[in-house]
């Protein structure tokens, strides 16, 4: 039987291979960091085969090798489940819409179908569209366009004339100053007094002349604004009406999204996001694959066994996704929802917590009165998080309780190992901060890439900003991103993988990881990068060299530490 044949008209699909009860995971998938269980991989393979072979619907997933087009792929998810008869199967879902539909044969449906013809959303959306049409009708009215063009022309002319008048005033003032300085040397008595009075009068005349011109233009523009006001008032009233209707519709929509958990407890989007940083649900919350899958399971008394989500098709322009790669559930849209939906279930441990427990204390490379240089292990946070308190900062505090710090001068990602400098005094902290600000501290990293990058320029310049709905992911953005620059070189090629040296000029969050994975960078993720590539035993990224000036005596300090990979 082909894998695609297991994807039937029902949303409960048979697994392509028999799975024994003993081969099932003991705990459900931790959705924010995971490697898919073998039983989940079996279902993923069946779904991906179906996506390649099916002819029932059409969706342009784009060119999987082209990461720059408007068309892009889609996030899919599978949920292995067990029914009351102990039969194993899996559910499939897609995030958002697929083939311009919320419902497709074989996939679980949305929490709420906003595309339903008989639903309130379509009706209210139509009324908002009607308001948009009214606004456009006014904005494209020829009489309004003529008045607007007339106003803009007069405003531009006013700005130019007043700018010239202001420049003339400044130039005249400069000339008077030169004359005054010369007169003070060459003239005296009445002649000097008369000249100074004359220059004072010239100054006043120019001032009032500028003021009268400004007042005249204000009256001209005010008259034009009065003629526009009739149209502007209508436009503003319609925009306020649209804003009010949109807010009401958005809240009505939020109220339709009610999420269940295993205990059949129901909570809506507004409640779930009330205590988050943004305090309200972001756009698209509740439409991702994972909440859809769990909702269907709880509605139909199916026991969730394992979860996996993967990207299929071309990457979107702003985000960094790779065809066929697995990705954790997003934090911005899904975390508050999934925390509620998974309440009461036995879940795999957060790998961040698990990794942190593997090491104890501090691996101190160098210690002075003012600072430490340590070897941070992979898996340990630089500073304590909301759920994981163990960190470099907490361990330094425990080891050096009398230190006036610890002051975290810089950070390494939890998954990154290697050299870190930690200030023990405020004075050292301020000195190190100044060195970082002036870019005199030098850092080098060693990484293993998932393949061999094609040769490109020796430096990568891709501006970065946070992906606000999927933190801690970062994204390349030429509009809002901050400058990020990295020099790189290949050290060795072995087993079809490249060992590279990175020399970051800037220190943006995830800079090396994004510069490696992005198509405009090396187009080759760092091995073990769960966020931008493929998860493995660890992220193969290590801070191998650190150079700075000792804050006490100004001596140049250099440290080198090879990675264990």
Protein backbone atom coordinates (compact mmCIF):
# COMPACT_ATOMS: atom_id res chain seq x y z
CA UNK A 1 0.00 0.00 0.00
CA UNK A 2 1.31 3.43 -0.90
CA UNK A 3 1.73 5.92 1.91
CA UNK A 4 -0.60 8.32 0.09
CA UNK A 5 -3.40 5.72 0.10
CA UNK A 6 -3.54 5.89 3.90
CA UNK A 7 -4.67 9.53 3.57
CA UNK A 8 -8.39 8.79 3.25
CA UNK A 9 -11.54 10.91 3.13
CA UNK A 10 -11.79 10.64 6.92
CA UNK A 11 -9.59 12.91 9.03
CA UNK A 12 -8.51 9.88 11.12
CA UNK A 13 -5.83 8.25 8.98
CA UNK A 14 -4.23 4.86 9.44
CA UNK A 15 -0.52 4.80 10.13
CA UNK A 16 1.40 3.41 7.13
CA UNK A 17 3.22 0.84 9.29
CA UNK A 18 2.00 -1.13 12.33
CA UNK A 19 3.16 0.34 15.65
CA UNK A 20 3.27 -1.70 18.85
CA UNK A 21 1.95 -0.18 22.08
CA UNK A 22 5.41 -0.55 23.58
CA UNK A 23 6.92 1.63 20.81
CA UNK A 24 4.81 4.65 21.68
CA UNK A 25 6.33 7.62 23.53
CA UNK A 26 5.70 7.67 27.29
CA UNK A 27 5.07 11.41 27.25
CA UNK A 28 3.56 13.81 24.74
CA UNK A 29 5.81 16.03 22.61
CA UNK A 30 7.08 19.25 24.19
CA UNK A 31 5.87 21.47 21.32
CA UNK A 32 8.39 24.31 21.64
CA UNK A 33 11.53 22.18 21.19
CA UNK A 34 11.52 18.59 19.99
CA UNK A 35 12.86 15.91 17.69
CA UNK A 36 9.91 14.04 16.13
CA UNK A 37 9.27 10.60 17.59
CA UNK A 38 9.52 7.66 15.18
CA UNK A 39 5.76 7.18 15.26
CA UNK A 40 5.32 10.84 14.26
CA UNK A 41 7.89 10.48 11.47
CA UNK A 42 5.86 7.60 10.04
CA UNK A 43 2.78 9.84 9.81
CA UNK A 44 4.81 12.76 8.42
CA UNK A 45 6.16 10.55 5.62
CA UNK A 46 2.61 9.50 4.69
CA UNK A 47 1.36 13.10 4.61
CA UNK A 48 4.34 14.34 2.59
CA UNK A 49 3.84 11.55 0.04
CA UNK A 50 0.20 12.58 -0.24
CA UNK A 51 1.19 16.23 -0.78
CA UNK A 52 3.47 15.16 -3.62
CA UNK A 53 0.95 12.86 -5.31
CA UNK A 54 -2.56 14.28 -4.72
CA UNK A 55 -4.52 15.88 -7.61
CA UNK A 56 -7.71 16.89 -5.73
CA UNK A 57 -6.78 20.52 -5.08
CA UNK A 58 -4.18 23.03 -6.23
CA UNK A 59 -1.96 25.26 -4.13
CA UNK A 60 1.16 26.93 -5.48
CA UNK A 61 3.87 26.05 -2.97
CA UNK A 62 6.42 27.91 -5.09
CA UNK A 63 9.89 26.89 -6.11
CA UNK A 64 11.40 25.10 -3.12
CA UNK A 65 14.88 26.34 -4.09
CA UNK A 66 13.82 29.97 -4.57
CA UNK A 67 13.45 31.91 -1.32
CA UNK A 68 12.68 35.30 -2.79
CA UNK A 69 9.28 35.12 -4.49
CA UNK A 70 5.86 36.28 -3.40
CA UNK A 71 4.43 32.74 -3.49
CA UNK A 72 5.39 30.66 -0.49
CA UNK A 73 4.80 27.34 1.20
CA UNK A 74 2.74 26.28 4.16
CA UNK A 75 3.22 24.86 7.65
CA UNK A 76 1.66 21.42 8.12
CA UNK A 77 1.21 19.39 11.28
CA UNK A 78 0.40 15.82 12.21
CA UNK A 79 -0.92 14.54 15.52
CA UNK A 80 -0.65 10.82 16.23
CA UNK A 81 -3.72 9.81 18.27
CA UNK A 82 -5.33 6.78 19.84
CA UNK A 83 -9.08 6.25 19.89
CA UNK A 84 -11.16 4.55 22.59
CA UNK A 85 -10.65 1.17 20.89
CA UNK A 86 -6.87 1.67 21.29
CA UNK A 87 -6.49 2.05 17.53
CA UNK A 88 -3.63 4.25 16.40
CA UNK A 89 -3.92 6.81 13.64
CA UNK A 90 -3.01 10.36 12.86
CA UNK A 91 -4.67 13.69 12.15
CA UNK A 92 -3.33 16.26 9.68
CA UNK A 93 -3.77 20.03 9.58
CA UNK A 94 -2.37 23.10 7.86
CA UNK A 95 -1.85 26.58 9.27
CA UNK A 96 -4.22 29.24 7.99
CA UNK A 97 -5.80 28.50 4.63
CA UNK A 98 -4.77 26.00 1.94
CA UNK A 99 -5.88 26.33 -1.69
CA UNK A 100 -7.89 29.38 -0.50
CA UNK A 101 -10.01 27.16 1.74
CA UNK A 102 -10.34 26.48 5.46
CA UNK A 103 -11.64 22.96 4.87
CA UNK A 104 -10.00 20.34 2.66
CA UNK A 105 -10.75 16.64 2.49
CA UNK A 106 -8.60 14.64 4.90
CA UNK A 107 -7.55 17.61 7.06
CA UNK A 108 -9.09 18.75 10.34
CA UNK A 109 -10.95 22.03 10.07
CA UNK A 110 -10.37 25.39 11.74
CA UNK A 111 -11.40 26.31 15.27
CA UNK A 112 -13.78 28.77 13.64
CA UNK A 113 -14.53 29.01 9.91
CA UNK A 114 -14.52 32.70 9.10
CA UNK A 115 -15.06 31.86 5.41
CA UNK A 116 -18.48 30.29 6.00
CA UNK A 117 -21.09 32.03 3.82
CA UNK A 118 -23.72 32.00 6.57
CA UNK A 119 -21.36 33.23 9.32
CA UNK A 120 -21.33 36.69 10.89
CA UNK A 121 -17.75 37.31 9.76
CA UNK A 122 -18.56 37.36 6.05
CA UNK A 123 -21.50 39.70 6.63
CA UNK A 124 -19.56 42.14 8.82
CA UNK A 125 -16.53 41.95 6.58
CA UNK A 126 -18.75 42.95 3.65
CA UNK A 127 -19.97 46.02 5.55
CA UNK A 128 -16.36 47.06 6.28
CA UNK A 129 -15.46 46.56 2.61
CA UNK A 130 -18.45 48.77 1.71
CA UNK A 131 -17.03 51.53 3.97
CA UNK A 132 -13.64 51.15 2.26
CA UNK A 133 -15.38 51.59 -1.09
CA UNK A 134 -17.06 54.77 0.18
CA UNK A 135 -13.71 56.16 1.32
CA UNK A 136 -12.15 55.36 -2.04
CA UNK A 137 -15.07 56.98 -3.88
CA UNK A 138 -14.47 60.25 -2.01
CA UNK A 139 -10.68 60.07 -2.38
CA UNK A 140 -11.01 59.53 -6.15
CA UNK A 141 -13.69 62.22 -6.62
CA UNK A 142 -12.29 64.60 -9.31
CA UNK A 143 -13.34 67.70 -7.37
CA UNK A 144 -11.62 66.42 -4.22
CA UNK A 145 -8.52 65.50 -6.24
CA UNK A 146 -8.40 69.01 -7.75
CA UNK A 147 -8.76 70.67 -4.34
CA UNK A 148 -6.12 68.38 -2.84
CA UNK A 149 -3.74 69.04 -5.73
CA UNK A 150 -4.33 72.79 -5.38
CA UNK A 151 -3.65 72.64 -1.64
CA UNK A 152 -0.46 70.57 -2.07
CA UNK A 153 0.83 72.94 -4.76
CA UNK A 154 0.24 75.99 -2.58
CA UNK A 155 1.75 74.28 0.46
CA UNK A 156 4.89 73.33 -1.48
CA UNK A 157 5.19 76.87 -2.86
CA UNK A 158 4.70 78.29 0.62
CA UNK A 159 7.42 76.06 2.05
CA UNK A 160 9.88 77.06 -0.68
CA UNK A 161 9.19 80.80 -0.39
CA UNK A 162 9.43 80.78 3.39
CA UNK A 163 12.65 78.79 3.21
CA UNK A 164 14.13 81.37 0.80
CA UNK A 165 12.91 84.21 3.05
CA UNK A 166 14.51 82.58 6.07
CA UNK A 167 17.81 82.09 4.23
CA UNK A 168 17.75 85.75 3.13
CA UNK A 169 17.24 86.80 6.75
CA UNK A 170 20.21 84.73 7.85
CA UNK A 171 22.41 86.01 5.02
CA UNK A 172 21.45 89.65 5.78
CA UNK A 173 22.20 89.09 9.45
CA UNK A 174 25.65 87.73 8.58
CA UNK A 175 26.40 90.77 6.34
CA UNK A 176 25.26 93.17 9.07
CA UNK A 177 27.52 91.42 11.53
CA UNK A 178 30.53 91.91 9.23
CA UNK A 179 29.60 95.58 8.71
CA UNK A 180 29.17 96.06 12.45
CA UNK A 181 32.61 94.58 13.18
CA UNK A 182 34.24 96.82 10.52
CA UNK A 183 32.38 99.92 11.75
CA UNK A 184 33.46 99.32 15.34
CA UNK A 185 37.05 99.57 14.10
CA UNK A 186 36.73 102.44 11.62
CA UNK A 187 33.90 104.68 12.92
CA UNK A 188 33.00 106.46 16.12
CA UNK A 189 30.54 108.96 17.55
CA UNK A 190 27.42 109.91 15.59
CA UNK A 191 28.54 108.14 12.41
CA UNK A 192 28.81 104.82 14.29
CA UNK A 193 25.53 105.39 16.10
CA UNK A 194 23.67 106.22 12.86
CA UNK A 195 25.02 103.13 11.13
CA UNK A 196 24.04 100.85 14.03
CA UNK A 197 20.51 102.35 14.07
CA UNK A 198 20.22 101.87 10.31
CA UNK A 199 21.24 98.18 10.61
CA UNK A 200 18.80 97.69 13.48
CA UNK A 201 16.00 99.11 11.30
CA UNK A 202 16.98 96.81 8.43
CA UNK A 203 16.82 93.84 10.79
CA UNK A 204 13.36 94.80 12.01
CA UNK A 205 12.09 95.45 8.48
CA UNK A 206 13.24 92.03 7.28
CA UNK A 207 11.76 90.36 10.36
CA UNK A 208 8.33 91.93 9.84
CA UNK A 209 8.51 91.33 6.10
CA UNK A 210 9.12 87.59 6.79
CA UNK A 211 6.33 87.56 9.38
CA UNK A 212 3.81 89.22 6.98
CA UNK A 213 4.70 86.76 4.23
CA UNK A 214 4.22 83.84 6.64
CA UNK A 215 0.84 85.20 7.76
CA UNK A 216 -0.26 85.70 4.15
CA UNK A 217 0.56 82.09 3.25
CA UNK A 218 -1.21 80.82 6.37
CA UNK A 219 -4.38 82.59 5.23
CA UNK A 220 -4.05 81.17 1.70
CA UNK A 221 -3.57 77.62 3.04
CA UNK A 222 -6.34 78.03 5.59
CA UNK A 223 -8.74 78.98 2.79
CA UNK A 224 -7.70 75.87 0.82
CA UNK A 225 -8.10 73.70 3.94
CA UNK A 226 -11.64 75.05 4.45
CA UNK A 227 -12.56 73.95 0.91
CA UNK A 228 -11.08 70.50 1.65
CA UNK A 229 -12.67 70.22 5.08
CA UNK A 230 -16.04 69.03 3.75
CA UNK A 231 -14.40 66.01 2.12
CA UNK A 232 -11.91 65.37 4.95
CA UNK A 233 -14.71 65.34 7.49
CA UNK A 234 -16.57 62.68 5.53
CA UNK A 235 -13.40 60.59 5.12
CA UNK A 236 -12.52 60.86 8.84
CA UNK A 237 -16.06 59.93 9.89
CA UNK A 238 -15.99 56.88 7.64
CA UNK A 239 -12.54 55.86 8.94
CA UNK A 240 -13.73 56.13 12.55
CA UNK A 241 -16.79 54.08 11.68
CA UNK A 242 -14.59 51.48 9.99
CA UNK A 243 -12.24 51.40 12.99
CA UNK A 244 -15.15 50.89 15.39
CA UNK A 245 -16.73 48.14 13.29
CA UNK A 246 -13.34 46.42 12.85
CA UNK A 247 -12.73 46.43 16.62
CA UNK A 248 -16.18 44.94 17.30
CA UNK A 249 -15.70 42.34 14.56
CA UNK A 250 -12.24 41.43 15.87
CA UNK A 251 -13.63 40.89 19.38
CA UNK A 252 -16.53 38.83 18.00
CA UNK A 253 -13.99 36.75 16.13
CA UNK A 254 -11.84 36.27 19.24
CA UNK A 255 -14.94 35.08 21.11
CA UNK A 256 -15.47 32.29 18.56
CA UNK A 257 -12.06 30.80 19.28
CA UNK A 258 -12.66 28.61 22.34
CA UNK A 259 -9.97 26.04 23.09
CA UNK A 260 -10.37 22.74 24.93
CA UNK A 261 -7.96 20.62 26.92
CA UNK A 262 -8.14 16.99 28.03
CA UNK A 263 -10.41 17.93 30.94
CA UNK A 264 -12.81 19.65 28.46
CA UNK A 265 -12.03 23.02 30.05
CA UNK A 266 -12.77 25.80 27.59
CA UNK A 267 -10.90 29.12 27.31
CA UNK A 268 -11.11 31.87 24.68
CA UNK A 269 -8.39 33.85 22.97
CA UNK A 270 -9.03 37.03 24.95
CA UNK A 271 -8.60 35.19 28.27
CA UNK A 272 -5.52 33.27 27.13
CA UNK A 273 -3.65 36.37 25.93
CA UNK A 274 -4.80 38.73 28.69
CA UNK A 275 -1.62 38.29 30.75
CA UNK A 276 0.86 38.23 27.85
CA UNK A 277 3.11 41.16 27.00
CA UNK A 278 0.86 42.28 24.13
CA UNK A 279 -2.29 41.66 26.26
CA UNK A 280 -4.34 40.78 23.18
CA UNK A 281 -4.20 37.99 20.59
CA UNK A 282 -2.00 38.66 17.55
CA UNK A 283 -3.40 38.26 14.04
CA UNK A 284 -3.76 34.59 13.10
CA UNK A 285 -3.73 33.29 16.69
CA UNK A 286 -5.56 29.96 16.83
CA UNK A 287 -5.19 29.23 13.11
CA UNK A 288 -1.89 27.32 13.37
CA UNK A 289 -1.79 23.55 12.85
CA UNK A 290 -1.09 22.44 16.44
CA UNK A 291 -4.17 24.06 18.10
CA UNK A 292 -6.40 22.74 15.28
CA UNK A 293 -5.11 19.20 15.78
CA UNK A 294 -5.47 19.16 19.56
CA UNK A 295 -8.94 20.73 19.39
CA UNK A 296 -10.18 17.98 17.07
CA UNK A 297 -8.64 15.30 19.29
CA UNK A 298 -10.31 16.61 22.46
CA UNK A 299 -13.67 17.12 20.72
CA UNK A 300 -13.62 13.51 19.53
CA UNK A 301 -12.14 11.81 22.63
CA UNK A 302 -8.88 10.96 20.90
CA UNK A 303 -5.75 10.64 23.02
CA UNK A 304 -2.81 12.74 21.70
CA UNK A 305 0.35 10.66 21.39
CA UNK A 306 2.92 12.68 19.41
CA UNK A 307 3.09 15.94 17.45
CA UNK A 308 5.24 17.19 14.57
CA UNK A 309 5.05 20.30 12.37
CA UNK A 310 6.97 20.85 9.15
CA UNK A 311 7.30 23.47 6.42
CA UNK A 312 6.38 22.51 2.85
CA UNK A 313 7.39 24.63 -0.16
CA UNK A 314 9.06 27.97 -0.72
CA UNK A 315 10.15 30.10 2.21
CA UNK A 316 8.30 33.38 2.84
CA UNK A 317 10.26 36.56 2.18
CA UNK A 318 10.67 37.69 5.76
CA UNK A 319 10.83 34.44 7.70
CA UNK A 320 13.45 31.74 7.25
CA UNK A 321 11.84 28.36 6.51
CA UNK A 322 13.22 25.33 4.68
CA UNK A 323 11.25 22.79 2.70
CA UNK A 324 10.62 19.60 4.67
CA UNK A 325 12.24 20.86 7.89
CA UNK A 326 10.55 20.45 11.27
CA UNK A 327 9.82 23.54 13.36
CA UNK A 328 8.66 24.06 16.96
CA UNK A 329 5.33 25.74 17.72
CA UNK A 330 5.56 29.52 17.59
CA UNK A 331 5.74 31.32 20.92
CA UNK A 332 3.92 34.53 20.00
CA UNK A 333 0.75 32.98 18.57
CA UNK A 334 0.66 29.47 20.03
CA UNK A 335 2.33 29.36 23.44
CA UNK A 336 -0.55 30.77 25.57
CA UNK A 337 -3.01 28.54 23.68
CA UNK A 338 -0.95 25.34 23.94
CA UNK A 339 -0.15 25.82 27.63
CA UNK A 340 -3.90 25.67 28.28
CA UNK A 341 -4.59 22.85 25.80
CA UNK A 342 -1.82 20.63 27.18
CA UNK A 343 -2.70 21.23 30.86
CA UNK A 344 -2.88 17.97 32.82
CA UNK A 345 -1.01 15.92 30.19
CA UNK A 346 2.35 14.23 30.71
CA UNK A 347 4.72 16.26 28.52
CA UNK A 348 8.37 15.75 27.62
CA UNK A 349 10.71 17.94 29.64
CA UNK A 350 11.80 21.27 28.24
CA UNK A 351 15.22 20.45 26.68
CA UNK A 352 16.56 23.75 28.01
CA UNK A 353 15.96 22.55 31.56
CA UNK A 354 17.27 19.07 30.78
CA UNK A 355 20.49 20.36 29.22
CA UNK A 356 21.17 22.76 32.10
CA UNK A 357 21.15 19.88 34.60
CA UNK A 358 24.02 18.13 32.79
CA UNK A 359 26.62 20.55 34.18
CA UNK A 360 27.27 22.01 37.61
CA UNK A 361 29.17 25.06 38.77
CA UNK A 362 31.48 27.11 36.57
CA UNK A 363 34.28 26.09 34.21
CA UNK A 364 36.58 29.05 34.97
CA UNK A 365 39.30 29.65 32.36
CA UNK A 366 40.74 32.79 33.99
CA UNK A 367 39.94 34.78 37.13
CA UNK A 368 40.97 38.22 38.30
CA UNK A 369 39.69 40.43 41.09
CA UNK A 370 37.40 42.24 38.64
CA UNK A 371 36.23 39.64 36.14
CA UNK A 372 36.03 36.01 35.06
CA UNK A 373 36.48 34.28 31.73
CA UNK A 374 34.45 31.07 31.67
CA UNK A 375 33.65 28.23 29.30
CA UNK A 376 29.84 28.24 29.04
CA UNK A 377 28.52 24.76 28.33
CA UNK A 378 25.95 24.08 25.65
CA UNK A 379 22.46 24.09 27.16
CA UNK A 380 23.07 26.66 29.92
CA UNK A 381 21.31 30.02 29.77
CA UNK A 382 23.39 33.19 30.10
CA UNK A 383 20.78 34.76 32.38
CA UNK A 384 17.87 33.13 34.19
CA UNK A 385 14.64 32.72 32.26
CA UNK A 386 11.00 32.67 33.32
CA UNK A 387 10.89 28.89 33.70
CA UNK A 388 14.58 27.98 33.96
CA UNK A 389 16.45 29.75 36.78
CA UNK A 390 19.79 27.97 36.35
CA UNK A 391 22.14 30.18 34.32
CA UNK A 392 25.65 31.60 34.11
CA UNK A 393 24.43 34.60 36.13
CA UNK A 394 22.92 32.47 38.91
CA UNK A 395 26.01 30.25 39.12
CA UNK A 396 28.37 33.23 39.30
CA UNK A 397 26.22 34.72 42.05
CA UNK A 398 26.31 31.44 43.99
CA UNK A 399 30.08 31.05 43.55
CA UNK A 400 30.95 34.68 44.31
CA UNK A 401 28.28 35.93 46.76
CA UNK A 402 30.38 38.96 47.81
CA UNK A 403 30.92 40.21 44.26
CA UNK A 404 29.26 43.53 43.49
CA UNK A 405 28.00 41.86 40.31
CA UNK A 406 27.70 39.58 38.57
CA UNK A 407 27.40 41.91 35.66
CA UNK A 408 26.59 40.09 32.42
CA UNK A 409 28.73 41.95 29.92
CA UNK A 410 27.45 39.93 26.94
CA UNK A 411 25.47 36.76 26.31
CA UNK A 412 25.70 33.55 24.37
CA UNK A 413 22.63 31.67 23.18
CA UNK A 414 21.61 28.78 25.40
CA UNK A 415 22.62 26.32 22.66
CA UNK A 416 26.03 27.97 22.07
CA UNK A 417 29.11 26.94 24.05
CA UNK A 418 32.40 28.73 24.63
CA UNK A 419 34.15 31.76 26.05
CA UNK A 420 32.30 34.41 28.03
CA UNK A 421 33.60 37.28 30.13
CA UNK A 422 31.66 38.17 33.29
CA UNK A 423 32.35 41.29 35.34
CA UNK A 424 32.54 40.90 39.12
CA UNK A 425 32.54 44.67 39.81
CA UNK A 426 30.56 47.60 38.49
CA UNK A 427 33.75 49.34 37.37
CA UNK A 428 34.80 46.34 35.28
CA UNK A 429 31.28 46.05 33.84
CA UNK A 430 31.28 49.68 32.71
CA UNK A 431 34.74 49.31 31.17
CA UNK A 432 33.74 46.17 29.26
CA UNK A 433 30.53 47.84 28.09
CA UNK A 434 32.59 50.71 26.71
CA UNK A 435 34.89 48.26 24.90
CA UNK A 436 31.88 46.52 23.33
CA UNK A 437 30.40 49.90 22.37
CA UNK A 438 33.65 50.91 20.66
CA UNK A 439 33.95 47.44 19.04
CA UNK A 440 37.42 46.85 20.49
CA UNK A 441 36.47 43.46 21.93
CA UNK A 442 37.06 40.78 19.31
CA UNK A 443 35.25 37.44 19.18
CA UNK A 444 35.70 34.40 16.99
CA UNK A 445 33.36 31.43 16.64
CA UNK A 446 33.76 27.99 15.15
CA UNK A 447 30.77 26.23 13.64
CA UNK A 448 29.96 23.15 11.57
CA UNK A 449 27.48 23.73 8.77
CA UNK A 450 24.97 21.18 7.48
CA UNK A 451 26.71 21.21 4.11
CA UNK A 452 29.28 23.09 2.05
CA UNK A 453 28.34 26.70 1.23
CA UNK A 454 29.09 28.12 -2.19
CA UNK A 455 31.85 30.71 -2.10
CA UNK A 456 30.52 34.20 -1.57
CA UNK A 457 31.97 37.49 -0.37
CA UNK A 458 34.10 37.21 2.79
CA UNK A 459 31.59 39.28 4.73
CA UNK A 460 27.84 38.94 5.19
CA UNK A 461 25.74 42.08 5.74
CA UNK A 462 22.11 41.27 6.49
CA UNK A 463 20.12 43.58 8.83
CA UNK A 464 18.21 41.76 11.57
CA UNK A 465 15.17 42.34 13.73
CA UNK A 466 13.05 40.09 15.98
CA UNK A 467 10.21 38.07 14.49
CA UNK A 468 7.71 39.56 16.93
CA UNK A 469 5.18 36.71 16.73
CA UNK A 470 7.76 33.92 16.84
CA UNK A 471 10.35 34.95 19.38
CA UNK A 472 13.20 34.24 19.83
CA UNK A 473 13.46 33.85 16.05
CA UNK A 474 15.10 36.70 14.17
CA UNK A 475 14.49 37.77 10.59
CA UNK A 476 16.26 39.72 7.85
CA UNK A 477 14.52 43.06 7.37
CA UNK A 478 15.84 45.93 5.26
CA UNK A 479 13.23 48.38 6.61
CA UNK A 480 13.42 47.94 10.39
CA UNK A 481 16.45 45.68 10.87
CA UNK A 482 19.67 46.75 12.59
CA UNK A 483 23.02 46.48 10.83
CA UNK A 484 24.63 43.06 11.29
CA UNK A 485 27.97 42.12 9.73
CA UNK A 486 29.95 38.88 9.87
CA UNK A 487 33.29 37.86 8.34
CA UNK A 488 33.67 34.16 7.62
CA UNK A 489 36.04 31.59 6.15
CA UNK A 490 36.12 27.82 5.68
CA UNK A 491 38.60 26.02 7.94
CA UNK A 492 38.00 22.45 6.82
CA UNK A 493 35.67 20.29 4.71
CA UNK A 494 34.95 16.82 6.05
CA UNK A 495 32.15 14.33 5.44
CA UNK A 496 30.34 16.81 3.17
CA UNK A 497 30.21 19.41 5.92
CA UNK A 498 32.15 22.63 6.36
CA UNK A 499 33.89 23.76 9.54
CA UNK A 500 33.87 27.55 9.40
CA UNK A 501 35.34 30.47 11.32
CA UNK A 502 33.05 33.40 12.07
CA UNK A 503 34.27 36.87 13.07
CA UNK A 504 31.22 38.97 13.94
CA UNK A 505 31.66 42.73 13.68
CA UNK A 506 28.32 43.38 15.37
CA UNK A 507 26.64 41.33 18.10
CA UNK A 508 22.97 40.92 17.12
CA UNK A 509 20.81 38.14 18.55
CA UNK A 510 21.17 34.95 16.46
CA UNK A 511 23.39 36.87 14.01
CA UNK A 512 25.63 33.93 13.08
CA UNK A 513 22.73 31.49 12.91
CA UNK A 514 20.67 33.67 10.54
CA UNK A 515 23.68 34.73 8.45
CA UNK A 516 24.48 31.05 7.99
CA UNK A 517 20.99 29.83 7.15
CA UNK A 518 19.62 32.73 5.08
CA UNK A 519 19.70 32.37 1.26
CA UNK A 520 21.41 35.77 1.00
CA UNK A 521 23.99 34.62 3.53
CA UNK A 522 25.67 31.20 3.34
CA UNK A 523 22.35 29.44 2.63
CA UNK A 524 23.55 26.63 4.88
CA UNK A 525 22.27 26.29 8.48
CA UNK A 526 24.57 25.50 11.36
CA UNK A 527 24.29 21.84 12.30
CA UNK A 528 21.79 21.27 15.11
CA UNK A 529 20.07 24.64 14.69
CA UNK A 530 16.45 23.87 15.59
CA UNK A 531 15.18 27.36 14.79
CA UNK A 532 16.72 27.84 11.35
CA UNK A 533 17.78 24.34 10.32
CA UNK A 534 17.54 20.80 11.67
CA UNK A 535 17.63 19.83 15.34
CA UNK A 536 20.26 17.31 16.43
CA UNK A 537 22.16 16.47 19.61
CA UNK A 538 23.37 20.07 19.94
CA UNK A 539 24.01 23.32 18.07
CA UNK A 540 27.51 23.09 16.60
CA UNK A 541 28.46 26.69 17.41
CA UNK A 542 31.28 27.57 19.82
CA UNK A 543 32.83 30.88 20.96
CA UNK A 544 36.45 29.91 20.42
CA UNK A 545 38.41 33.17 20.87
CA UNK A 546 38.00 36.33 22.92
CA UNK A 547 40.29 39.39 22.96
CA UNK A 548 39.87 42.47 25.18
CA UNK A 549 41.76 44.92 27.36
CA UNK A 550 42.03 44.21 31.07
CA UNK A 551 39.83 46.89 32.72
CA UNK A 552 42.33 47.28 35.56
CA UNK A 553 45.66 47.77 33.73
CA UNK A 554 44.74 48.06 30.04
CA UNK A 555 46.78 44.96 29.13
CA UNK A 556 45.60 43.07 26.05
CA UNK A 557 44.11 39.70 27.04
CA UNK A 558 43.63 36.85 24.55
CA UNK A 559 41.84 33.57 25.19
CA UNK A 560 41.41 30.56 22.89
CA UNK A 561 39.34 27.44 23.50
CA UNK A 562 38.71 24.73 20.92
CA UNK A 563 35.21 23.19 20.72
CA UNK A 564 34.52 19.56 21.59
CA UNK A 565 33.06 18.87 18.15
